[in-house]
PDB file of N, CA and C in Angstrom:
ATOM      1  N   MET A   1       0.841  -1.176   0.000  1.00  0.00           N
ATOM      2  CA  MET A   1       0.000   0.000   0.000  1.00  0.00           C
ATOM      3  C   MET A   1       0.885   1.237   0.000  1.00  0.00           C
ATOM      4  N   LYS A   2       0.436   2.262  -0.652  1.00  0.00           N
ATOM      5  CA  LYS A   2       1.172   3.523  -0.666  1.00  0.00           C
ATOM      6  C   LYS A   2       0.340   4.605  -0.001  1.00  0.00           C
ATOM      7  N   LEU A   3       1.024   5.472   0.723  1.00  0.00           N
ATOM      8  CA  LEU A   3       0.370   6.629   1.331  1.00  0.00           C
ATOM      9  C   LEU A   3       0.476   7.780   0.350  1.00  0.00           C
ATOM     10  N   THR A   4      -0.648   8.377   0.049  1.00  0.00           N
ATOM     11  CA  THR A   4      -0.613   9.499  -0.875  1.00  0.00           C
ATOM     12  C   THR A   4      -0.708  10.833  -0.157  1.00  0.00           C
ATOM     13  N   ARG A   5      -1.160  10.796   1.088  1.00  0.00           N
ATOM     14  CA  ARG A   5      -1.246  12.031   1.863  1.00  0.00           C
ATOM     15  C   ARG A   5      -1.474  11.682   3.324  1.00  0.00           C
ATOM     16  N   ARG A   6      -1.264  12.677   4.174  1.00  0.00           N
ATOM     17  CA  ARG A   6      -1.563  12.495   5.593  1.00  0.00           C
ATOM     18  C   ARG A   6      -3.081  12.450   5.730  1.00  0.00           C
ATOM     19  N   VAL A   7      -3.577  11.603   6.629  1.00  0.00           N
ATOM     20  CA  VAL A   7      -5.023  11.505   6.808  1.00  0.00           C
ATOM     21  C   VAL A   7      -5.383  11.834   8.246  1.00  0.00           C
ATOM     22  N   ASN A   8      -6.570  12.375   8.435  1.00  0.00           N
ATOM     23  CA  ASN A   8      -7.109  12.576   9.767  1.00  0.00           C
ATOM     24  C   ASN A   8      -7.821  11.297  10.171  1.00  0.00           C
ATOM     25  N   MET A   9      -7.621  10.883  11.413  1.00  0.00           N
ATOM     26  CA  MET A   9      -8.128   9.605  11.865  1.00  0.00           C
ATOM     27  C   MET A   9      -9.493   9.739  12.522  1.00  0.00           C
ATOM     28  N   PHE A  10     -10.273   8.712  12.370  1.00  0.00           N
ATOM     29  CA  PHE A  10     -11.520   8.524  13.076  1.00  0.00           C
ATOM     30  C   PHE A  10     -11.448   7.117  13.642  1.00  0.00           C
ATOM     31  N   PRO A  11     -12.204   6.798  14.683  1.00  0.00           N
ATOM     32  CA  PRO A  11     -12.083   5.473  15.296  1.00  0.00           C
ATOM     33  C   PRO A  11     -12.124   4.312  14.298  1.00  0.00           C
ATOM     34  N   ILE A  12     -12.962   4.376  13.299  1.00  0.00           N
ATOM     35  CA  ILE A  12     -13.079   3.270  12.355  1.00  0.00           C
ATOM     36  C   ILE A  12     -11.803   3.069  11.534  1.00  0.00           C
ATOM     37  N   ILE A  13     -11.028   4.125  11.363  1.00  0.00           N
ATOM     38  CA  ILE A  13      -9.826   4.038  10.541  1.00  0.00           C
ATOM     39  C   ILE A  13      -8.777   3.132  11.169  1.00  0.00           C
ATOM     40  N   PHE A  14      -8.851   2.918  12.503  1.00  0.00           N
ATOM     41  CA  PHE A  14      -7.890   2.035  13.139  1.00  0.00           C
ATOM     42  C   PHE A  14      -8.042   0.597  12.644  1.00  0.00           C
ATOM     43  N   GLN A  15      -9.097   0.319  11.936  1.00  0.00           N
ATOM     44  CA  GLN A  15      -9.233  -0.999  11.321  1.00  0.00           C
ATOM     45  C   GLN A  15      -8.265  -1.166  10.159  1.00  0.00           C
ATOM     46  N   ILE A  16      -7.794  -0.080   9.566  1.00  0.00           N
ATOM     47  CA  ILE A  16      -6.854  -0.204   8.452  1.00  0.00           C
ATOM     48  C   ILE A  16      -5.400  -0.201   8.903  1.00  0.00           C
ATOM     49  N   VAL A  17      -5.126   0.214  10.133  1.00  0.00           N
ATOM     50  CA  VAL A  17      -3.745   0.256  10.628  1.00  0.00           C
ATOM     51  C   VAL A  17      -3.056  -1.101  10.467  1.00  0.00           C
ATOM     52  N   PRO A  18      -3.708  -2.222  10.788  1.00  0.00           N
ATOM     53  CA  PRO A  18      -3.030  -3.519  10.636  1.00  0.00           C
ATOM     54  C   PRO A  18      -2.661  -3.866   9.194  1.00  0.00           C
ATOM     55  N   LYS A  19      -3.183  -3.174   8.228  1.00  0.00           N
ATOM     56  CA  LYS A  19      -2.861  -3.442   6.830  1.00  0.00           C
ATOM     57  C   LYS A  19      -1.493  -2.890   6.437  1.00  0.00           C
ATOM     58  N   PHE A  20      -0.904  -2.063   7.287  1.00  0.00           N
ATOM     59  CA  PHE A  20       0.400  -1.454   7.037  1.00  0.00           C
ATOM     60  C   PHE A  20       1.449  -2.107   7.927  1.00  0.00           C
ATOM     61  N   ARG A  21       2.691  -2.131   7.480  1.00  0.00           N
ATOM     62  CA  ARG A  21       3.776  -2.661   8.314  1.00  0.00           C
ATOM     63  C   ARG A  21       4.032  -1.734   9.493  1.00  0.00           C
ATOM     64  N   ALA A  22       3.803  -0.438   9.294  1.00  0.00           N
ATOM     65  CA  ALA A  22       3.977   0.538  10.370  1.00  0.00           C
ATOM     66  C   ALA A  22       2.984   1.676  10.177  1.00  0.00           C
ATOM     67  N   ALA A  23       2.542   2.221  11.310  1.00  0.00           N
ATOM     68  CA  ALA A  23       1.652   3.382  11.278  1.00  0.00           C
ATOM     69  C   ALA A  23       2.111   4.357  12.351  1.00  0.00           C
ATOM     70  N   LEU A  24       2.411   5.578  11.938  1.00  0.00           N
ATOM     71  CA  LEU A  24       2.797   6.647  12.855  1.00  0.00           C
ATOM     72  C   LEU A  24       1.577   7.544  13.037  1.00  0.00           C
ATOM     73  N   ILE A  25       1.043   7.540  14.242  1.00  0.00           N
ATOM     74  CA  ILE A  25      -0.192   8.266  14.527  1.00  0.00           C
ATOM     75  C   ILE A  25       0.096   9.372  15.527  1.00  0.00           C
ATOM     76  N   LYS A  26      -0.323  10.592  15.200  1.00  0.00           N
ATOM     77  CA  LYS A  26      -0.154  11.729  16.114  1.00  0.00           C
ATOM     78  C   LYS A  26      -1.506  12.057  16.733  1.00  0.00           C
ATOM     79  N   PHE A  27      -1.558  12.033  18.060  1.00  0.00           N
ATOM     80  CA  PHE A  27      -2.733  12.481  18.806  1.00  0.00           C
ATOM     81  C   PHE A  27      -2.486  13.931  19.174  1.00  0.00           C
ATOM     82  N   ASP A  28      -3.444  14.800  18.861  1.00  0.00           N
ATOM     83  CA  ASP A  28      -3.254  16.225  19.116  1.00  0.00           C
ATOM     84  C   ASP A  28      -4.611  16.900  19.300  1.00  0.00           C
ATOM     85  N   VAL A  29      -4.573  18.195  19.569  1.00  0.00           N
ATOM     86  CA  VAL A  29      -5.793  18.986  19.719  1.00  0.00           C
ATOM     87  C   VAL A  29      -6.566  18.995  18.400  1.00  0.00           C
ATOM     88  N   ALA A  30      -7.800  19.410  18.461  1.00  0.00           N
ATOM     89  CA  ALA A  30      -8.660  19.391  17.274  1.00  0.00           C
ATOM     90  C   ALA A  30      -8.118  20.251  16.134  1.00  0.00           C
ATOM     91  N   TYR A  31      -7.534  21.379  16.469  1.00  0.00           N
ATOM     92  CA  TYR A  31      -7.002  22.280  15.444  1.00  0.00           C
ATOM     93  C   TYR A  31      -5.543  22.596  15.768  1.00  0.00           C
ATOM     94  N   PRO A  32      -4.640  21.664  15.445  1.00  0.00           N
ATOM     95  CA  PRO A  32      -3.235  21.867  15.795  1.00  0.00           C
ATOM     96  C   PRO A  32      -2.590  22.986  14.981  1.00  0.00           C
ATOM     97  N   TYR A  33      -1.583  23.605  15.585  1.00  0.00           N
ATOM     98  CA  TYR A  33      -0.850  24.680  14.920  1.00  0.00           C
ATOM     99  C   TYR A  33       0.530  24.770  15.565  1.00  0.00           C
ATOM    100  N   GLY A  34       1.378  25.560  14.997  1.00  0.00           N
ATOM    101  CA  GLY A  34       2.681  25.818  15.592  1.00  0.00           C
ATOM    102  C   GLY A  34       3.788  24.950  15.027  1.00  0.00           C
ATOM    103  N   GLU A  35       4.966  25.123  15.601  1.00  0.00           N
ATOM    104  CA  GLU A  35       6.184  24.477  15.105  1.00  0.00           C
ATOM    105  C   GLU A  35       6.094  22.949  15.118  1.00  0.00           C
ATOM    106  N   LYS A  36       5.571  22.373  16.193  1.00  0.00           N
ATOM    107  CA  LYS A  36       5.477  20.912  16.271  1.00  0.00           C
ATOM    108  C   LYS A  36       4.550  20.357  15.202  1.00  0.00           C
ATOM    109  N   HIS A  37       3.442  21.032  14.981  1.00  0.00           N
ATOM    110  CA  HIS A  37       2.511  20.588  13.941  1.00  0.00           C
ATOM    111  C   HIS A  37       3.155  20.710  12.558  1.00  0.00           C
ATOM    112  N   GLU A  38       3.869  21.777  12.330  1.00  0.00           N
ATOM    113  CA  GLU A  38       4.546  21.971  11.045  1.00  0.00           C
ATOM    114  C   GLU A  38       5.600  20.891  10.813  1.00  0.00           C
ATOM    115  N   GLU A  39       6.314  20.495  11.869  1.00  0.00           N
ATOM    116  CA  GLU A  39       7.320  19.436  11.749  1.00  0.00           C
ATOM    117  C   GLU A  39       6.660  18.106  11.399  1.00  0.00           C
ATOM    118  N   PHE A  40       5.521  17.811  12.026  1.00  0.00           N
ATOM    119  CA  PHE A  40       4.817  16.570  11.713  1.00  0.00           C
ATOM    120  C   PHE A  40       4.325  16.592  10.267  1.00  0.00           C
ATOM    121  N   THR A  41       3.881  17.732   9.812  1.00  0.00           N
ATOM    122  CA  THR A  41       3.458  17.880   8.423  1.00  0.00           C
ATOM    123  C   THR A  41       4.619  17.579   7.486  1.00  0.00           C
ATOM    124  N   LYS A  42       5.813  18.058   7.835  1.00  0.00           N
ATOM    125  CA  LYS A  42       6.997  17.770   7.020  1.00  0.00           C
ATOM    126  C   LYS A  42       7.287  16.268   6.986  1.00  0.00           C
ATOM    127  N   VAL A  43       7.169  15.616   8.132  1.00  0.00           N
ATOM    128  CA  VAL A  43       7.391  14.163   8.186  1.00  0.00           C
ATOM    129  C   VAL A  43       6.410  13.448   7.270  1.00  0.00           C
ATOM    130  N   SER A  44       5.154  13.851   7.331  1.00  0.00           N
ATOM    131  CA  SER A  44       4.153  13.195   6.486  1.00  0.00           C
ATOM    132  C   SER A  44       4.450  13.421   5.002  1.00  0.00           C
ATOM    133  N   GLU A  45       4.927  14.610   4.660  1.00  0.00           N
ATOM    134  CA  GLU A  45       5.263  14.899   3.264  1.00  0.00           C
ATOM    135  C   GLU A  45       6.502  14.132   2.815  1.00  0.00           C
ATOM    136  N   LEU A  46       7.510  14.040   3.693  1.00  0.00           N
ATOM    137  CA  LEU A  46       8.753  13.341   3.346  1.00  0.00           C
ATOM    138  C   LEU A  46       8.557  11.831   3.220  1.00  0.00           C
ATOM    139  N   THR A  47       7.572  11.293   3.923  1.00  0.00           N
ATOM    140  CA  THR A  47       7.335   9.847   3.869  1.00  0.00           C
ATOM    141  C   THR A  47       6.267   9.463   2.854  1.00  0.00           C
ATOM    142  N   ARG A  48       5.747  10.444   2.161  1.00  0.00           N
ATOM    143  CA  ARG A  48       4.744  10.161   1.128  1.00  0.00           C
ATOM    144  C   ARG A  48       5.359   9.187   0.129  1.00  0.00           C
ATOM    145  N   GLY A  49       4.623   8.163  -0.195  1.00  0.00           N
ATOM    146  CA  GLY A  49       5.116   7.187  -1.155  1.00  0.00           C
ATOM    147  C   GLY A  49       5.898   6.051  -0.534  1.00  0.00           C
ATOM    148  N   VAL A  50       6.187   6.119   0.776  1.00  0.00           N
ATOM    149  CA  VAL A  50       6.878   5.016   1.436  1.00  0.00           C
ATOM    150  C   VAL A  50       5.881   3.861   1.545  1.00  0.00           C
ATOM    151  N   GLN A  51       6.271   2.743   0.980  1.00  0.00           N
ATOM    152  CA  GLN A  51       5.380   1.581   0.979  1.00  0.00           C
ATOM    153  C   GLN A  51       5.111   1.107   2.407  1.00  0.00           C
ATOM    154  N   ASP A  52       3.918   0.701   2.656  1.00  0.00           N
ATOM    155  CA  ASP A  52       3.517   0.089   3.926  1.00  0.00           C
ATOM    156  C   ASP A  52       3.684   0.987   5.145  1.00  0.00           C
ATOM    157  N   LEU A  53       3.621   2.301   4.956  1.00  0.00           N
ATOM    158  CA  LEU A  53       3.671   3.237   6.079  1.00  0.00           C
ATOM    159  C   LEU A  53       2.453   4.149   6.019  1.00  0.00           C
ATOM    160  N   LEU A  54       1.754   4.216   7.127  1.00  0.00           N
ATOM    161  CA  LEU A  54       0.620   5.128   7.266  1.00  0.00           C
ATOM    162  C   LEU A  54       1.024   6.217   8.249  1.00  0.00           C
ATOM    163  N   VAL A  55       0.862   7.465   7.866  1.00  0.00           N
ATOM    164  CA  VAL A  55       1.089   8.604   8.746  1.00  0.00           C
ATOM    165  C   VAL A  55      -0.251   9.306   8.890  1.00  0.00           C
ATOM    166  N   ALA A  56      -0.715   9.461  10.142  1.00  0.00           N
ATOM    167  CA  ALA A  56      -2.064   9.988  10.337  1.00  0.00           C
ATOM    168  C   ALA A  56      -2.169  10.769  11.634  1.00  0.00           C
ATOM    169  N   GLU A  57      -3.254  11.502  11.772  1.00  0.00           N
ATOM    170  CA  GLU A  57      -3.537  12.286  12.971  1.00  0.00           C
ATOM    171  C   GLU A  57      -4.861  11.872  13.578  1.00  0.00           C
ATOM    172  N   VAL A  58      -4.905  11.923  14.896  1.00  0.00           N
ATOM    173  CA  VAL A  58      -6.163  11.808  15.631  1.00  0.00           C
ATOM    174  C   VAL A  58      -6.335  13.157  16.317  1.00  0.00           C
ATOM    175  N   ASN A  59      -7.294  13.927  15.855  1.00  0.00           N
ATOM    176  CA  ASN A  59      -7.559  15.251  16.431  1.00  0.00           C
ATOM    177  C   ASN A  59      -8.641  15.101  17.496  1.00  0.00           C
ATOM    178  N   VAL A  60      -8.288  15.428  18.727  1.00  0.00           N
ATOM    179  CA  VAL A  60      -9.153  15.194  19.879  1.00  0.00           C
ATOM    180  C   VAL A  60      -9.741  16.513  20.370  1.00  0.00           C
ATOM    181  N   LYS A  61     -11.049  16.514  20.557  1.00  0.00           N
ATOM    182  CA  LYS A  61     -11.730  17.705  21.096  1.00  0.00           C
ATOM    183  C   LYS A  61     -12.033  17.486  22.574  1.00  0.00           C
ATOM    184  N   ASP A  62     -11.876  18.535  23.358  1.00  0.00           N
ATOM    185  CA  ASP A  62     -12.223  18.460  24.779  1.00  0.00           C
ATOM    186  C   ASP A  62     -13.494  19.261  25.064  1.00  0.00           C
ATOM    187  N   TYR A  63     -14.280  19.497  24.042  1.00  0.00           N
ATOM    188  CA  TYR A  63     -15.527  20.259  24.188  1.00  0.00           C
ATOM    189  C   TYR A  63     -16.571  19.656  23.255  1.00  0.00           C
ATOM    190  N   GLY A  64     -17.798  20.081  23.411  1.00  0.00           N
ATOM    191  CA  GLY A  64     -18.882  19.589  22.555  1.00  0.00           C
ATOM    192  C   GLY A  64     -19.022  18.082  22.653  1.00  0.00           C
ATOM    193  N   GLU A  65     -18.999  17.418  21.517  1.00  0.00           N
ATOM    194  CA  GLU A  65     -19.163  15.961  21.498  1.00  0.00           C
ATOM    195  C   GLU A  65     -17.866  15.214  21.801  1.00  0.00           C
ATOM    196  N   LYS A  66     -16.806  15.945  22.063  1.00  0.00           N
ATOM    197  CA  LYS A  66     -15.513  15.377  22.453  1.00  0.00           C
ATOM    198  C   LYS A  66     -15.034  14.318  21.459  1.00  0.00           C
ATOM    199  N   ASP A  67     -14.993  14.722  20.188  1.00  0.00           N
ATOM    200  CA  ASP A  67     -14.554  13.821  19.129  1.00  0.00           C
ATOM    201  C   ASP A  67     -13.207  13.191  19.455  1.00  0.00           C
ATOM    202  N   ASN A  68     -13.118  11.896  19.281  1.00  0.00           N
ATOM    203  CA  ASN A  68     -11.905  11.092  19.437  1.00  0.00           C
ATOM    204  C   ASN A  68     -11.361  11.017  20.858  1.00  0.00           C
ATOM    205  N   ALA A  69     -12.060  11.577  21.842  1.00  0.00           N
ATOM    206  CA  ALA A  69     -11.603  11.502  23.234  1.00  0.00           C
ATOM    207  C   ALA A  69     -11.566  10.051  23.706  1.00  0.00           C
ATOM    208  N   GLU A  70     -12.535   9.260  23.296  1.00  0.00           N
ATOM    209  CA  GLU A  70     -12.577   7.846  23.663  1.00  0.00           C
ATOM    210  C   GLU A  70     -11.385   7.091  23.073  1.00  0.00           C
ATOM    211  N   LEU A  71     -11.046   7.438  21.846  1.00  0.00           N
ATOM    212  CA  LEU A  71      -9.915   6.801  21.167  1.00  0.00           C
ATOM    213  C   LEU A  71      -8.601   7.152  21.875  1.00  0.00           C
ATOM    214  N   ALA A  72      -8.445   8.401  22.264  1.00  0.00           N
ATOM    215  CA  ALA A  72      -7.251   8.814  23.000  1.00  0.00           C
ATOM    216  C   ALA A  72      -7.160   8.058  24.325  1.00  0.00           C
ATOM    217  N   GLU A  73      -8.275   7.931  24.999  1.00  0.00           N
ATOM    218  CA  GLU A  73      -8.298   7.209  26.271  1.00  0.00           C
ATOM    219  C   GLU A  73      -7.921   5.741  26.065  1.00  0.00           C
ATOM    220  N   LYS A  74      -8.423   5.131  25.010  1.00  0.00           N
ATOM    221  CA  LYS A  74      -8.124   3.726  24.716  1.00  0.00           C
ATOM    222  C   LYS A  74      -6.619   3.499  24.582  1.00  0.00           C
ATOM    223  N   TYR A  75      -5.906   4.468  23.997  1.00  0.00           N
ATOM    224  CA  TYR A  75      -4.472   4.340  23.796  1.00  0.00           C
ATOM    225  C   TYR A  75      -3.668   5.094  24.850  1.00  0.00           C
ATOM    226  N   ASP A  76      -4.319   5.405  25.976  1.00  0.00           N
ATOM    227  CA  ASP A  76      -3.673   6.019  27.137  1.00  0.00           C
ATOM    228  C   ASP A  76      -2.956   7.329  26.796  1.00  0.00           C
ATOM    229  N   VAL A  77      -3.635   8.162  26.023  1.00  0.00           N
ATOM    230  CA  VAL A  77      -3.096   9.468  25.645  1.00  0.00           C
ATOM    231  C   VAL A  77      -3.847  10.535  26.438  1.00  0.00           C
ATOM    232  N   LYS A  78      -3.098  11.333  27.164  1.00  0.00           N
ATOM    233  CA  LYS A  78      -3.679  12.413  27.968  1.00  0.00           C
ATOM    234  C   LYS A  78      -3.551  13.731  27.216  1.00  0.00           C
ATOM    235  N   MET A  79      -4.598  14.529  27.257  1.00  0.00           N
ATOM    236  CA  MET A  79      -4.596  15.806  26.545  1.00  0.00           C
ATOM    237  C   MET A  79      -3.474  16.719  27.022  1.00  0.00           C
ATOM    238  N   ARG A  80      -3.129  16.640  28.285  1.00  0.00           N
ATOM    239  CA  ARG A  80      -2.063  17.500  28.812  1.00  0.00           C
ATOM    240  C   ARG A  80      -0.709  17.187  28.163  1.00  0.00           C
ATOM    241  N   ASP A  81      -0.593  16.011  27.547  1.00  0.00           N
ATOM    242  CA  ASP A  81       0.662  15.592  26.923  1.00  0.00           C
ATOM    243  C   ASP A  81       0.733  15.903  25.427  1.00  0.00           C
ATOM    244  N   PHE A  82      -0.328  16.415  24.839  1.00  0.00           N
ATOM    245  CA  PHE A  82      -0.349  16.645  23.384  1.00  0.00           C
ATOM    246  C   PHE A  82       0.809  17.494  22.924  1.00  0.00           C
ATOM    247  N   PRO A  83       1.331  17.276  21.747  1.00  0.00           N
ATOM    248  CA  PRO A  83       1.051  16.157  20.857  1.00  0.00           C
ATOM    249  C   PRO A  83       1.787  14.886  21.309  1.00  0.00           C
ATOM    250  N   VAL A  84       1.171  13.734  21.011  1.00  0.00           N
ATOM    251  CA  VAL A  84       1.738  12.431  21.352  1.00  0.00           C
ATOM    252  C   VAL A  84       1.818  11.604  20.077  1.00  0.00           C
ATOM    253  N   LEU A  85       2.979  11.003  19.848  1.00  0.00           N
ATOM    254  CA  LEU A  85       3.162  10.119  18.696  1.00  0.00           C
ATOM    255  C   LEU A  85       3.092   8.678  19.162  1.00  0.00           C
ATOM    256  N   LYS A  86       2.405   7.846  18.381  1.00  0.00           N
ATOM    257  CA  LYS A  86       2.328   6.406  18.632  1.00  0.00           C
ATOM    258  C   LYS A  86       2.777   5.705  17.362  1.00  0.00           C
ATOM    259  N   LEU A  87       3.671   4.734  17.524  1.00  0.00           N
ATOM    260  CA  LEU A  87       4.125   3.952  16.390  1.00  0.00           C
ATOM    261  C   LEU A  87       3.611   2.528  16.554  1.00  0.00           C
ATOM    262  N   PHE A  88       2.736   2.140  15.642  1.00  0.00           N
ATOM    263  CA  PHE A  88       2.177   0.795  15.609  1.00  0.00           C
ATOM    264  C   PHE A  88       2.959   0.004  14.568  1.00  0.00           C
ATOM    265  N   ARG A  89       3.408  -1.208  14.944  1.00  0.00           N
ATOM    266  CA  ARG A  89       4.179  -2.038  14.025  1.00  0.00           C
ATOM    267  C   ARG A  89       3.495  -3.382  13.856  1.00  0.00           C
ATOM    268  N   LYS A  90       3.317  -3.787  12.642  1.00  0.00           N
ATOM    269  CA  LYS A  90       2.623  -5.035  12.333  1.00  0.00           C
ATOM    270  C   LYS A  90       3.339  -6.211  12.989  1.00  0.00           C
ATOM    271  N   GLY A  91       2.563  -7.027  13.677  1.00  0.00           N
ATOM    272  CA  GLY A  91       3.112  -8.216  14.308  1.00  0.00           C
ATOM    273  C   GLY A  91       3.794  -7.974  15.639  1.00  0.00           C
ATOM    274  N   ILE A  92       3.833  -6.724  16.107  1.00  0.00           N
ATOM    275  CA  ILE A  92       4.472  -6.392  17.387  1.00  0.00           C
ATOM    276  C   ILE A  92       3.428  -5.719  18.273  1.00  0.00           C
ATOM    277  N   LYS A  93       3.154  -6.328  19.418  1.00  0.00           N
ATOM    278  CA  LYS A  93       2.108  -5.804  20.301  1.00  0.00           C
ATOM    279  C   LYS A  93       2.481  -4.484  20.967  1.00  0.00           C
ATOM    280  N   GLU A  94       3.776  -4.316  21.279  1.00  0.00           N
ATOM    281  CA  GLU A  94       4.214  -3.095  21.950  1.00  0.00           C
ATOM    282  C   GLU A  94       4.037  -1.892  21.037  1.00  0.00           C
ATOM    283  N   ILE A  95       3.361  -0.869  21.536  1.00  0.00           N
ATOM    284  CA  ILE A  95       3.175   0.376  20.795  1.00  0.00           C
ATOM    285  C   ILE A  95       4.172   1.380  21.352  1.00  0.00           C
ATOM    286  N   LEU A  96       5.035   1.885  20.498  1.00  0.00           N
ATOM    287  CA  LEU A  96       6.017   2.873  20.938  1.00  0.00           C
ATOM    288  C   LEU A  96       5.351   4.233  21.067  1.00  0.00           C
ATOM    289  N   THR A  97       5.663   4.932  22.138  1.00  0.00           N
ATOM    290  CA  THR A  97       5.060   6.245  22.420  1.00  0.00           C
ATOM    291  C   THR A  97       6.160   7.282  22.588  1.00  0.00           C
ATOM    292  N   ARG A  98       5.919   8.453  22.000  1.00  0.00           N
ATOM    293  CA  ARG A  98       6.862   9.567  22.150  1.00  0.00           C
ATOM    294  C   ARG A  98       6.062  10.836  22.398  1.00  0.00           C
ATOM    295  N   LEU A  99       6.378  11.496  23.500  1.00  0.00           N
ATOM    296  CA  LEU A  99       5.779  12.808  23.772  1.00  0.00           C
ATOM    297  C   LEU A  99       6.700  13.827  23.125  1.00  0.00           C
ATOM    298  N   TYR A 100       6.124  14.755  22.394  1.00  0.00           N
ATOM    299  CA  TYR A 100       6.987  15.792  21.816  1.00  0.00           C
ATOM    300  C   TYR A 100       6.279  17.055  21.774  1.00  0.00           C
TER     301      TYR A 100
END
């Protein structure tokens, strides 16, 4: 599979993560901005076309319907730590986590 662009994640999209050898997922606020967000955008652009790699975002809201808050909780991501990177690797149960 080839990644053609960075995608925003929704809970159902985690069903496609196992189809890739690796998936780099960033959990962040609903409307990310700033230097860290720009760096992640660069990573997604530089890895475009890398076979079997998915680069995606989970944008979490802490207001209204609290979109993706349940998903963040499932993967033990706290809003106070945003942005948080998770690396999922096919066939490996351990999920690598990096706060940045």
